[in-house]
Amino acid sequence: MRRMGLPSSPASLCFLVVLLASLPSFLLLVRGDDPYRFYTWNITFGDIYPLGVKQEGILINGQFPGPQIDAVTNDNIIVNVFNNLPVPFLLSW
């Protein structure tokens, strides 16, 4: 009857040593991105030309339309909004 324990043959023992020695390197290869996406938005008025006609519009970081949010499923989006308008500003999506 064979007892359970360490491998008895040199080849099995060598394989076990190589496997255990390479395990930390495999763990270093598995990396996940930070699930948080941070954005800072400064809201201002500025000139926009949506149809080729100049008009005053709301800009986010000096852009119209606003900046693109790069995220994937299950990312947490954190947006710090600084309202530099002389009136209240509501943002929803």
Protein backbone atom coordinates (compact mmCIF):
# COMPACT_ATOMS: atom_id res chain seq x y z
CA MET A 1 0.00 0.00 0.00
CA ARG A 2 1.45 3.37 -1.03
CA ARG A 3 1.53 6.24 1.46
CA MET A 4 0.52 9.74 0.40
CA GLY A 5 3.24 12.36 0.78
CA LEU A 6 6.16 13.75 -1.15
CA PRO A 7 6.96 12.19 -4.53
CA SER A 8 9.53 9.42 -4.30
CA SER A 9 11.05 9.47 -7.80
CA PRO A 10 13.73 12.06 -8.65
CA ALA A 11 11.81 13.22 -11.74
CA SER A 12 8.66 13.87 -9.72
CA LEU A 13 10.64 15.67 -7.05
CA CYS A 14 12.39 17.81 -9.68
CA PHE A 15 9.05 18.71 -11.28
CA LEU A 16 7.63 19.69 -7.89
CA VAL A 17 10.63 21.93 -7.13
CA VAL A 18 10.39 23.65 -10.53
CA LEU A 19 6.65 24.14 -10.11
CA LEU A 20 6.99 25.65 -6.63
CA ALA A 21 9.91 27.86 -7.76
CA SER A 22 7.97 29.25 -10.73
CA LEU A 23 4.72 29.90 -8.84
CA PRO A 24 5.68 33.41 -7.65
CA SER A 25 6.50 34.48 -11.22
CA PHE A 26 3.06 33.33 -12.39
CA LEU A 27 1.44 35.38 -9.67
CA LEU A 28 3.32 38.47 -10.83
CA LEU A 29 1.90 38.07 -14.33
CA VAL A 30 -1.68 38.26 -13.08
CA ARG A 31 -2.40 41.93 -12.59
CA GLY A 32 -5.65 43.79 -12.62
CA ASP A 33 -6.21 47.44 -13.40
CA ASP A 34 -7.34 49.78 -10.70
CA PRO A 35 -11.18 49.61 -10.73
CA TYR A 36 -11.40 53.36 -10.03
CA ARG A 37 -11.33 56.05 -12.72
CA PHE A 38 -10.73 59.57 -11.45
CA TYR A 39 -11.65 62.71 -13.38
CA THR A 40 -11.55 66.41 -12.55
CA TRP A 41 -13.91 68.67 -14.46
CA ASN A 42 -13.87 72.47 -14.48
CA ILE A 43 -17.19 73.88 -15.71
CA THR A 44 -17.07 77.26 -17.49
CA PHE A 45 -18.87 79.29 -20.15
CA GLY A 46 -17.22 79.66 -23.54
CA ASP A 47 -17.84 80.12 -27.23
CA ILE A 48 -19.01 77.04 -29.12
CA TYR A 49 -19.88 76.51 -32.78
CA PRO A 50 -22.24 73.50 -32.83
CA LEU A 51 -23.77 74.31 -36.25
CA GLY A 52 -21.16 76.75 -37.49
CA VAL A 53 -22.81 79.63 -35.63
CA LYS A 54 -21.07 81.16 -32.64
CA GLN A 55 -22.96 80.95 -29.36
CA GLU A 56 -22.21 80.78 -25.66
CA GLY A 57 -22.18 77.28 -24.22
CA ILE A 58 -21.06 75.28 -21.21
CA LEU A 59 -17.55 73.83 -21.46
CA ILE A 60 -16.00 71.03 -19.44
CA ASN A 61 -12.24 71.51 -19.15
CA GLY A 62 -12.52 73.97 -22.04
CA GLN A 63 -14.12 71.35 -24.32
CA PHE A 64 -17.45 71.01 -26.05
CA PRO A 65 -18.60 68.30 -26.09
CA GLY A 66 -17.04 67.30 -22.80
CA PRO A 67 -14.18 64.86 -22.28
CA GLN A 68 -14.55 61.15 -22.97
CA ILE A 69 -14.80 58.80 -20.00
CA ASP A 70 -12.67 55.71 -20.58
CA ALA A 71 -14.05 52.86 -18.49
CA VAL A 72 -15.21 49.26 -18.68
CA THR A 73 -17.88 47.28 -16.91
CA ASN A 74 -17.64 47.42 -13.10
CA ASP A 75 -15.28 50.42 -13.05
CA ASN A 76 -16.02 53.00 -10.38
CA ILE A 77 -16.13 56.53 -11.80
CA ILE A 78 -15.20 59.37 -9.47
CA VAL A 79 -15.67 62.86 -10.94
CA ASN A 80 -14.64 65.98 -9.02
CA VAL A 81 -16.69 68.82 -10.50
CA PHE A 82 -15.73 72.47 -9.96
CA ASN A 83 -18.52 74.83 -10.99
CA ASN A 84 -16.94 78.08 -12.21
CA LEU A 85 -20.25 79.36 -13.57
CA PRO A 86 -22.07 82.30 -11.96
CA VAL A 87 -25.20 80.09 -11.79
CA PRO A 88 -25.92 76.64 -10.32
CA PHE A 89 -25.09 73.71 -12.58
CA LEU A 90 -26.82 70.30 -12.64
CA LEU A 91 -25.10 67.32 -14.17
CA SER A 92 -26.88 64.01 -14.67
CA TRP A 93 -26.47 60.83 -16.71
